[in-house]
Amino acid sequence: MNLTSVALFANVLSFAAFILMAVWHIAPRLASLPRAEALVPLVWVHAFRHIALQIYSAQKFGFDVSDGARNQIAAGDVLGMILAVTALVALHYRARVAPVLMWLLVAETAFDLAYTTRLGVEEQLYATASGTTFLIVTFYVPLLWVTLGLMVWQLHFRRHESL
């Protein structure tokens, strides 16, 4: 197997495991919690997206990513991290703006993940991903997608519940 095949296989395995965990364990637990409390653990996963800043180091040590793609990946994840932490503060204090911040986080994350996935395919980034970069794209990114889906589920289907 080449690196691209291995990374894609690892991605599929991570998605499968996270989806099973979400369906069997996380979704039933979230359903039993008040809306704000159910959203908090999902948002915490996104509060560490600044890990994407390691792309600068990875590029220096052989990760073959263009400067433009590097900057887009880093900026999108830092913005997502800032939105996540802001949403966590709003949820903690049950601020009325919390649902709006959550939907902003959802929209930014969906756009960022879709756009950077396209960049990754165009620039064939799986072929040179190693170390921390490999773990981010094959483990953390699938976790972001699954928690994004769970956030949408909580926000949409429980929209009539107060915080």
N, C-alpha and C. Protein backbone atom coordinates (compact mmCIF):
# COMPACT_ATOMS: atom_id res chain seq x y z
N MET A 1 0.83 -1.18 0.00
CA MET A 1 0.00 0.00 0.00
C MET A 1 0.88 1.25 0.00
N ASN A 2 0.43 2.25 -0.73
CA ASN A 2 1.15 3.52 -0.69
C ASN A 2 0.58 4.38 0.45
N LEU A 3 1.24 5.51 0.73
CA LEU A 3 0.81 6.36 1.85
C LEU A 3 -0.61 6.88 1.69
N THR A 4 -1.00 7.21 0.48
CA THR A 4 -2.35 7.72 0.26
C THR A 4 -3.38 6.65 0.61
N SER A 5 -3.15 5.42 0.17
CA SER A 5 -4.07 4.31 0.46
C SER A 5 -4.14 4.03 1.95
N VAL A 6 -3.00 4.06 2.62
CA VAL A 6 -2.97 3.81 4.05
C VAL A 6 -3.75 4.90 4.79
N ALA A 7 -3.53 6.16 4.41
CA ALA A 7 -4.22 7.27 5.07
C ALA A 7 -5.72 7.19 4.84
N LEU A 8 -6.14 6.87 3.64
CA LEU A 8 -7.57 6.75 3.35
C LEU A 8 -8.18 5.59 4.13
N PHE A 9 -7.46 4.48 4.21
CA PHE A 9 -7.93 3.33 4.98
C PHE A 9 -8.06 3.69 6.46
N ALA A 10 -7.07 4.37 7.00
CA ALA A 10 -7.11 4.81 8.40
C ALA A 10 -8.28 5.76 8.62
N ASN A 11 -8.54 6.63 7.65
CA ASN A 11 -9.66 7.56 7.73
C ASN A 11 -10.98 6.81 7.82
N VAL A 12 -11.17 5.83 6.96
CA VAL A 12 -12.39 5.02 6.95
C VAL A 12 -12.57 4.30 8.28
N LEU A 13 -11.48 3.73 8.80
CA LEU A 13 -11.55 3.03 10.08
C LEU A 13 -11.93 3.99 11.21
N SER A 14 -11.34 5.17 11.20
CA SER A 14 -11.68 6.17 12.23
C SER A 14 -13.14 6.58 12.14
N PHE A 15 -13.61 6.86 10.92
CA PHE A 15 -15.02 7.22 10.75
C PHE A 15 -15.93 6.12 11.27
N ALA A 16 -15.62 4.88 10.91
CA ALA A 16 -16.46 3.75 11.34
C ALA A 16 -16.49 3.66 12.86
N ALA A 17 -15.34 3.75 13.50
CA ALA A 17 -15.29 3.65 14.96
C ALA A 17 -16.02 4.81 15.63
N PHE A 18 -15.80 6.02 15.13
CA PHE A 18 -16.45 7.19 15.75
C PHE A 18 -17.97 7.16 15.54
N ILE A 19 -18.41 6.71 14.38
CA ILE A 19 -19.85 6.63 14.14
C ILE A 19 -20.49 5.57 15.06
N LEU A 20 -19.85 4.42 15.20
CA LEU A 20 -20.38 3.41 16.12
C LEU A 20 -20.43 3.93 17.55
N MET A 21 -19.36 4.60 17.98
CA MET A 21 -19.32 5.16 19.33
C MET A 21 -20.43 6.19 19.50
N ALA A 22 -20.63 7.02 18.48
CA ALA A 22 -21.66 8.05 18.55
C ALA A 22 -23.05 7.43 18.66
N VAL A 23 -23.33 6.45 17.83
CA VAL A 23 -24.67 5.83 17.81
C VAL A 23 -24.93 5.01 19.06
N TRP A 24 -23.96 4.21 19.48
CA TRP A 24 -24.17 3.30 20.60
C TRP A 24 -24.05 3.97 21.97
N HIS A 25 -23.17 4.94 22.09
CA HIS A 25 -22.87 5.47 23.42
C HIS A 25 -23.14 6.96 23.60
N ILE A 26 -22.68 7.76 22.66
CA ILE A 26 -22.74 9.21 22.85
C ILE A 26 -24.15 9.75 22.64
N ALA A 27 -24.80 9.39 21.53
CA ALA A 27 -26.14 9.91 21.26
C ALA A 27 -27.14 9.57 22.37
N PRO A 28 -27.18 8.33 22.87
CA PRO A 28 -28.12 8.05 23.96
C PRO A 28 -27.83 8.89 25.21
N ARG A 29 -26.56 9.10 25.50
CA ARG A 29 -26.20 9.91 26.68
C ARG A 29 -26.59 11.37 26.47
N LEU A 30 -26.33 11.91 25.27
CA LEU A 30 -26.67 13.30 24.98
C LEU A 30 -28.17 13.53 25.06
N ALA A 31 -28.93 12.56 24.61
CA ALA A 31 -30.40 12.68 24.62
C ALA A 31 -30.94 12.80 26.04
N SER A 32 -30.20 12.28 27.01
CA SER A 32 -30.67 12.32 28.40
C SER A 32 -30.26 13.60 29.13
N LEU A 33 -29.44 14.41 28.50
CA LEU A 33 -28.95 15.64 29.13
C LEU A 33 -29.75 16.85 28.67
N PRO A 34 -29.77 17.90 29.49
CA PRO A 34 -30.34 19.17 29.00
C PRO A 34 -29.54 19.65 27.78
N ARG A 35 -30.18 20.42 26.94
CA ARG A 35 -29.61 20.82 25.65
C ARG A 35 -28.20 21.42 25.78
N ALA A 36 -28.02 22.40 26.64
CA ALA A 36 -26.71 23.04 26.78
C ALA A 36 -25.65 22.05 27.24
N GLU A 37 -26.00 21.21 28.20
CA GLU A 37 -25.04 20.21 28.69
C GLU A 37 -24.70 19.18 27.62
N ALA A 38 -25.62 18.89 26.73
CA ALA A 38 -25.36 17.95 25.65
C ALA A 38 -24.42 18.54 24.61
N LEU A 39 -24.49 19.85 24.41
CA LEU A 39 -23.64 20.49 23.41
C LEU A 39 -22.20 20.67 23.88
N VAL A 40 -22.01 20.87 25.16
CA VAL A 40 -20.68 21.20 25.69
C VAL A 40 -19.60 20.19 25.32
N PRO A 41 -19.77 18.88 25.56
CA PRO A 41 -18.68 17.97 25.22
C PRO A 41 -18.39 17.91 23.72
N LEU A 42 -19.40 18.13 22.91
CA LEU A 42 -19.20 18.14 21.46
C LEU A 42 -18.35 19.33 21.05
N VAL A 43 -18.60 20.46 21.66
CA VAL A 43 -17.85 21.68 21.32
C VAL A 43 -16.41 21.59 21.83
N TRP A 44 -16.21 20.95 22.98
CA TRP A 44 -14.84 20.82 23.49
C TRP A 44 -13.91 20.14 22.49
N VAL A 45 -14.43 19.21 21.72
CA VAL A 45 -13.60 18.54 20.70
C VAL A 45 -13.05 19.56 19.71
N HIS A 46 -13.81 20.61 19.44
CA HIS A 46 -13.41 21.64 18.47
C HIS A 46 -12.54 22.73 19.09
N ALA A 47 -12.46 22.75 20.41
CA ALA A 47 -11.70 23.79 21.10
C ALA A 47 -10.18 23.61 20.94
N PHE A 48 -9.77 22.52 20.34
CA PHE A 48 -8.34 22.24 20.18
C PHE A 48 -7.91 22.22 18.71
N ARG A 49 -8.72 22.82 17.87
CA ARG A 49 -8.41 22.82 16.43
C ARG A 49 -7.15 23.61 16.09
N HIS A 50 -6.67 24.40 17.01
CA HIS A 50 -5.43 25.12 16.76
C HIS A 50 -4.24 24.17 16.58
N ILE A 51 -4.43 22.88 16.84
CA ILE A 51 -3.38 21.89 16.56
C ILE A 51 -2.97 21.96 15.09
N ALA A 52 -3.86 22.47 14.25
CA ALA A 52 -3.55 22.60 12.82
C ALA A 52 -2.37 23.54 12.58
N LEU A 53 -2.03 24.37 13.54
CA LEU A 53 -0.87 25.25 13.37
C LEU A 53 0.42 24.45 13.21
N GLN A 54 0.40 23.18 13.57
CA GLN A 54 1.59 22.36 13.36
C GLN A 54 1.92 22.20 11.88
N ILE A 55 1.00 22.61 11.02
CA ILE A 55 1.24 22.50 9.58
C ILE A 55 2.46 23.32 9.15
N TYR A 56 2.75 24.39 9.88
CA TYR A 56 3.94 25.19 9.57
C TYR A 56 5.20 24.39 9.82
N SER A 57 5.25 23.68 10.92
CA SER A 57 6.39 22.82 11.23
C SER A 57 6.44 21.64 10.26
N ALA A 58 5.29 21.05 10.00
CA ALA A 58 5.24 19.90 9.08
C ALA A 58 5.75 20.28 7.70
N GLN A 59 5.37 21.46 7.23
CA GLN A 59 5.83 21.91 5.91
C GLN A 59 7.35 22.05 5.90
N LYS A 60 7.89 22.59 6.96
CA LYS A 60 9.34 22.77 7.04
C LYS A 60 10.07 21.43 7.00
N PHE A 61 9.43 20.39 7.53
CA PHE A 61 10.08 19.09 7.61
C PHE A 61 9.55 18.08 6.60
N GLY A 62 9.03 18.57 5.47
CA GLY A 62 8.73 17.67 4.36
C GLY A 62 7.29 17.49 3.95
N PHE A 63 6.34 18.04 4.69
CA PHE A 63 4.94 17.92 4.27
C PHE A 63 4.76 18.84 3.07
N ASP A 64 4.42 18.25 1.95
CA ASP A 64 4.39 18.98 0.67
C ASP A 64 3.06 19.69 0.48
N VAL A 65 2.91 20.84 1.15
CA VAL A 65 1.71 21.64 1.07
C VAL A 65 2.10 23.04 0.60
N SER A 66 1.29 23.60 -0.28
CA SER A 66 1.58 24.95 -0.75
C SER A 66 1.36 25.95 0.38
N ASP A 67 1.97 27.11 0.26
CA ASP A 67 1.79 28.15 1.28
C ASP A 67 0.33 28.58 1.38
N GLY A 68 -0.34 28.69 0.23
CA GLY A 68 -1.75 29.09 0.23
C GLY A 68 -2.62 28.09 0.95
N ALA A 69 -2.44 26.80 0.66
CA ALA A 69 -3.23 25.76 1.33
C ALA A 69 -2.88 25.71 2.82
N ARG A 70 -1.61 25.84 3.12
CA ARG A 70 -1.16 25.85 4.53
C ARG A 70 -1.86 26.96 5.30
N ASN A 71 -1.86 28.16 4.73
CA ASN A 71 -2.48 29.30 5.40
C ASN A 71 -3.99 29.12 5.56
N GLN A 72 -4.63 28.58 4.54
CA GLN A 72 -6.09 28.34 4.61
C GLN A 72 -6.42 27.32 5.69
N ILE A 73 -5.67 26.23 5.73
CA ILE A 73 -5.90 25.19 6.73
C ILE A 73 -5.72 25.76 8.13
N ALA A 74 -4.63 26.47 8.35
CA ALA A 74 -4.35 27.03 9.68
C ALA A 74 -5.41 28.07 10.06
N ALA A 75 -5.73 28.98 9.17
CA ALA A 75 -6.69 30.04 9.48
C ALA A 75 -8.07 29.47 9.77
N GLY A 76 -8.52 28.52 8.97
CA GLY A 76 -9.84 27.93 9.18
C GLY A 76 -9.95 27.24 10.52
N ASP A 77 -8.90 26.54 10.91
CA ASP A 77 -8.95 25.82 12.18
C ASP A 77 -8.80 26.75 13.38
N VAL A 78 -7.98 27.78 13.25
CA VAL A 78 -7.87 28.74 14.36
C VAL A 78 -9.20 29.48 14.53
N LEU A 79 -9.83 29.87 13.44
CA LEU A 79 -11.14 30.51 13.53
C LEU A 79 -12.15 29.57 14.18
N GLY A 80 -12.14 28.30 13.79
CA GLY A 80 -13.03 27.32 14.39
C GLY A 80 -12.78 27.16 15.88
N MET A 81 -11.51 27.17 16.27
CA MET A 81 -11.16 27.07 17.68
C MET A 81 -11.70 28.27 18.46
N ILE A 82 -11.52 29.46 17.91
CA ILE A 82 -12.00 30.68 18.57
C ILE A 82 -13.53 30.64 18.71
N LEU A 83 -14.21 30.23 17.65
CA LEU A 83 -15.68 30.11 17.73
C LEU A 83 -16.09 29.06 18.77
N ALA A 84 -15.37 27.95 18.82
CA ALA A 84 -15.70 26.90 19.78
C ALA A 84 -15.54 27.40 21.22
N VAL A 85 -14.44 28.04 21.51
CA VAL A 85 -14.22 28.53 22.87
C VAL A 85 -15.24 29.61 23.22
N THR A 86 -15.55 30.48 22.27
CA THR A 86 -16.56 31.52 22.49
C THR A 86 -17.93 30.87 22.76
N ALA A 87 -18.27 29.85 21.99
CA ALA A 87 -19.53 29.14 22.20
C ALA A 87 -19.55 28.45 23.56
N LEU A 88 -18.42 27.90 23.98
CA LEU A 88 -18.36 27.26 25.30
C LEU A 88 -18.62 28.26 26.42
N VAL A 89 -18.04 29.44 26.30
CA VAL A 89 -18.28 30.48 27.31
C VAL A 89 -19.77 30.85 27.31
N ALA A 90 -20.34 31.02 26.12
CA ALA A 90 -21.76 31.37 26.03
C ALA A 90 -22.65 30.26 26.60
N LEU A 91 -22.31 29.02 26.33
CA LEU A 91 -23.07 27.90 26.89
C LEU A 91 -22.93 27.84 28.41
N HIS A 92 -21.74 28.08 28.89
CA HIS A 92 -21.50 28.04 30.33
C HIS A 92 -22.38 29.05 31.07
N TYR A 93 -22.48 30.23 30.50
CA TYR A 93 -23.28 31.28 31.13
C TYR A 93 -24.72 31.33 30.64
N ARG A 94 -25.10 30.34 29.82
CA ARG A 94 -26.45 30.24 29.26
C ARG A 94 -26.86 31.54 28.56
N ALA A 95 -25.91 32.13 27.85
CA ALA A 95 -26.16 33.38 27.13
C ALA A 95 -27.13 33.14 25.99
N ARG A 96 -27.96 34.10 25.72
CA ARG A 96 -28.96 33.96 24.65
C ARG A 96 -28.31 33.82 23.29
N VAL A 97 -27.09 34.29 23.15
CA VAL A 97 -26.39 34.24 21.87
C VAL A 97 -25.77 32.86 21.61
N ALA A 98 -25.80 31.98 22.58
CA ALA A 98 -25.16 30.67 22.44
C ALA A 98 -25.63 29.88 21.21
N PRO A 99 -26.94 29.76 20.95
CA PRO A 99 -27.35 29.02 19.74
C PRO A 99 -26.82 29.64 18.45
N VAL A 100 -26.77 30.96 18.40
CA VAL A 100 -26.24 31.63 17.20
C VAL A 100 -24.76 31.29 17.03
N LEU A 101 -24.01 31.36 18.13
CA LEU A 101 -22.58 31.00 18.07
C LEU A 101 -22.39 29.55 17.68
N MET A 102 -23.27 28.69 18.17
CA MET A 102 -23.18 27.27 17.81
C MET A 102 -23.40 27.08 16.31
N TRP A 103 -24.42 27.74 15.77
CA TRP A 103 -24.67 27.62 14.33
C TRP A 103 -23.53 28.22 13.51
N LEU A 104 -22.93 29.29 13.99
CA LEU A 104 -21.75 29.85 13.31
C LEU A 104 -20.61 28.84 13.32
N LEU A 105 -20.40 28.19 14.45
CA LEU A 105 -19.37 27.16 14.54
C LEU A 105 -19.67 26.02 13.57
N VAL A 106 -20.91 25.60 13.50
CA VAL A 106 -21.30 24.52 12.59
C VAL A 106 -21.03 24.92 11.13
N ALA A 107 -21.45 26.11 10.76
CA ALA A 107 -21.27 26.57 9.38
C ALA A 107 -19.79 26.71 9.04
N GLU A 108 -19.02 27.33 9.94
CA GLU A 108 -17.59 27.51 9.69
C GLU A 108 -16.90 26.17 9.58
N THR A 109 -17.24 25.25 10.47
CA THR A 109 -16.59 23.93 10.48
C THR A 109 -16.93 23.14 9.23
N ALA A 110 -18.19 23.14 8.83
CA ALA A 110 -18.59 22.41 7.63
C ALA A 110 -17.86 22.97 6.41
N PHE A 111 -17.83 24.29 6.29
CA PHE A 111 -17.12 24.90 5.16
C PHE A 111 -15.64 24.57 5.23
N ASP A 112 -15.03 24.76 6.39
CA ASP A 112 -13.60 24.55 6.54
C ASP A 112 -13.21 23.09 6.25
N LEU A 113 -13.94 22.15 6.81
CA LEU A 113 -13.59 20.74 6.59
C LEU A 113 -13.79 20.34 5.12
N ALA A 114 -14.87 20.80 4.51
CA ALA A 114 -15.10 20.47 3.10
C ALA A 114 -14.04 21.12 2.21
N TYR A 115 -13.76 22.39 2.46
CA TYR A 115 -12.79 23.11 1.63
C TYR A 115 -11.38 22.55 1.79
N THR A 116 -10.97 22.26 3.02
CA THR A 116 -9.62 21.74 3.21
C THR A 116 -9.50 20.29 2.73
N THR A 117 -10.61 19.56 2.75
CA THR A 117 -10.58 18.22 2.15
C THR A 117 -10.31 18.34 0.65
N ARG A 118 -11.00 19.29 0.01
CA ARG A 118 -10.76 19.53 -1.41
C ARG A 118 -9.31 19.94 -1.67
N LEU A 119 -8.78 20.83 -0.84
CA LEU A 119 -7.38 21.24 -0.98
C LEU A 119 -6.45 20.03 -0.83
N GLY A 120 -6.74 19.20 0.15
CA GLY A 120 -5.91 18.01 0.38
C GLY A 120 -5.90 17.07 -0.80
N VAL A 121 -7.05 16.90 -1.42
CA VAL A 121 -7.14 16.03 -2.60
C VAL A 121 -6.39 16.66 -3.77
N GLU A 122 -6.62 17.95 -4.00
CA GLU A 122 -5.96 18.65 -5.10
C GLU A 122 -4.45 18.63 -4.96
N GLU A 123 -3.95 18.81 -3.76
CA GLU A 123 -2.51 18.86 -3.54
C GLU A 123 -1.91 17.51 -3.14
N GLN A 124 -2.75 16.48 -3.13
CA GLN A 124 -2.32 15.11 -2.81
C GLN A 124 -1.56 15.07 -1.48
N LEU A 125 -2.15 15.67 -0.47
CA LEU A 125 -1.48 15.80 0.82
C LEU A 125 -1.35 14.49 1.59
N TYR A 126 -2.23 13.54 1.32
CA TYR A 126 -2.10 12.25 2.00
C TYR A 126 -0.77 11.57 1.66
N ALA A 127 -0.24 11.86 0.50
CA ALA A 127 0.99 11.20 0.05
C ALA A 127 2.21 11.61 0.88
N THR A 128 2.15 12.76 1.55
CA THR A 128 3.31 13.20 2.34
C THR A 128 2.97 13.42 3.81
N ALA A 129 1.75 13.08 4.22
CA ALA A 129 1.38 13.24 5.63
C ALA A 129 2.09 12.19 6.48
N SER A 130 2.72 12.65 7.55
CA SER A 130 3.38 11.72 8.47
C SER A 130 3.32 12.28 9.88
N GLY A 131 3.62 11.46 10.85
CA GLY A 131 3.66 11.89 12.24
C GLY A 131 2.35 12.53 12.68
N THR A 132 2.48 13.70 13.29
CA THR A 132 1.32 14.41 13.81
C THR A 132 0.32 14.74 12.71
N THR A 133 0.81 15.11 11.54
CA THR A 133 -0.07 15.44 10.42
C THR A 133 -0.93 14.23 10.04
N PHE A 134 -0.31 13.05 10.00
CA PHE A 134 -1.04 11.83 9.69
C PHE A 134 -2.14 11.58 10.73
N LEU A 135 -1.82 11.75 12.00
CA LEU A 135 -2.82 11.55 13.05
C LEU A 135 -3.95 12.56 12.95
N ILE A 136 -3.62 13.80 12.62
CA ILE A 136 -4.67 14.81 12.51
C ILE A 136 -5.63 14.45 11.39
N VAL A 137 -5.11 14.12 10.21
CA VAL A 137 -6.00 13.88 9.07
C VAL A 137 -6.71 12.53 9.14
N THR A 138 -6.16 11.56 9.86
CA THR A 138 -6.80 10.24 9.90
C THR A 138 -7.55 9.96 11.19
N PHE A 139 -7.34 10.77 12.22
CA PHE A 139 -8.02 10.55 13.50
C PHE A 139 -8.85 11.76 13.91
N TYR A 140 -8.21 12.92 13.99
CA TYR A 140 -8.90 14.11 14.50
C TYR A 140 -9.94 14.64 13.52
N VAL A 141 -9.63 14.68 12.25
CA VAL A 141 -10.60 15.20 11.27
C VAL A 141 -11.87 14.34 11.24
N PRO A 142 -11.79 13.01 11.22
CA PRO A 142 -13.04 12.24 11.31
C PRO A 142 -13.82 12.53 12.60
N LEU A 143 -13.10 12.72 13.71
CA LEU A 143 -13.76 13.06 14.97
C LEU A 143 -14.48 14.41 14.86
N LEU A 144 -13.86 15.37 14.18
CA LEU A 144 -14.51 16.67 13.97
C LEU A 144 -15.79 16.51 13.16
N TRP A 145 -15.75 15.70 12.09
CA TRP A 145 -16.94 15.49 11.26
C TRP A 145 -18.07 14.85 12.07
N VAL A 146 -17.74 13.83 12.86
CA VAL A 146 -18.78 13.12 13.62
C VAL A 146 -19.37 14.03 14.69
N THR A 147 -18.53 14.78 15.40
CA THR A 147 -19.08 15.68 16.41
C THR A 147 -19.86 16.82 15.76
N LEU A 148 -19.47 17.22 14.56
CA LEU A 148 -20.23 18.22 13.83
C LEU A 148 -21.65 17.69 13.56
N GLY A 149 -21.74 16.46 13.11
CA GLY A 149 -23.06 15.86 12.89
C GLY A 149 -23.89 15.79 14.15
N LEU A 150 -23.25 15.44 15.25
CA LEU A 150 -23.96 15.39 16.54
C LEU A 150 -24.41 16.78 16.98
N MET A 151 -23.60 17.80 16.71
CA MET A 151 -24.00 19.17 17.05
C MET A 151 -25.22 19.59 16.24
N VAL A 152 -25.21 19.29 14.95
CA VAL A 152 -26.36 19.63 14.11
C VAL A 152 -27.60 18.92 14.63
N TRP A 153 -27.46 17.66 14.97
CA TRP A 153 -28.58 16.90 15.53
C TRP A 153 -29.13 17.58 16.78
N GLN A 154 -28.26 17.94 17.71
CA GLN A 154 -28.69 18.60 18.95
C GLN A 154 -29.32 19.96 18.68
N LEU A 155 -28.70 20.73 17.81
CA LEU A 155 -29.21 22.08 17.53
C LEU A 155 -30.54 22.05 16.79
N HIS A 156 -30.66 21.17 15.83
CA HIS A 156 -31.88 21.13 15.02
C HIS A 156 -33.05 20.46 15.75
N PHE A 157 -32.85 19.26 16.22
CA PHE A 157 -33.96 18.50 16.79
C PHE A 157 -34.35 18.91 18.20
N ARG A 158 -33.49 19.70 18.85
CA ARG A 158 -33.81 20.17 20.18
C ARG A 158 -33.94 21.70 20.22
N ARG A 159 -34.21 22.27 19.05
CA ARG A 159 -34.23 23.73 18.91
C ARG A 159 -35.31 24.41 19.75
N HIS A 160 -36.32 23.68 20.15
CA HIS A 160 -37.40 24.29 20.94
C HIS A 160 -37.09 24.26 22.44
N GLU A 161 -36.02 23.58 22.80
CA GLU A 161 -35.63 23.55 24.22
C GLU A 161 -34.79 24.78 24.54
N SER A 162 -34.98 25.30 25.70
CA SER A 162 -34.16 26.44 26.12
C SER A 162 -32.82 25.94 26.62
N LEU A 163 -31.90 26.87 26.76
CA LEU A 163 -30.60 26.51 27.32
C LEU A 163 -30.71 26.44 28.83
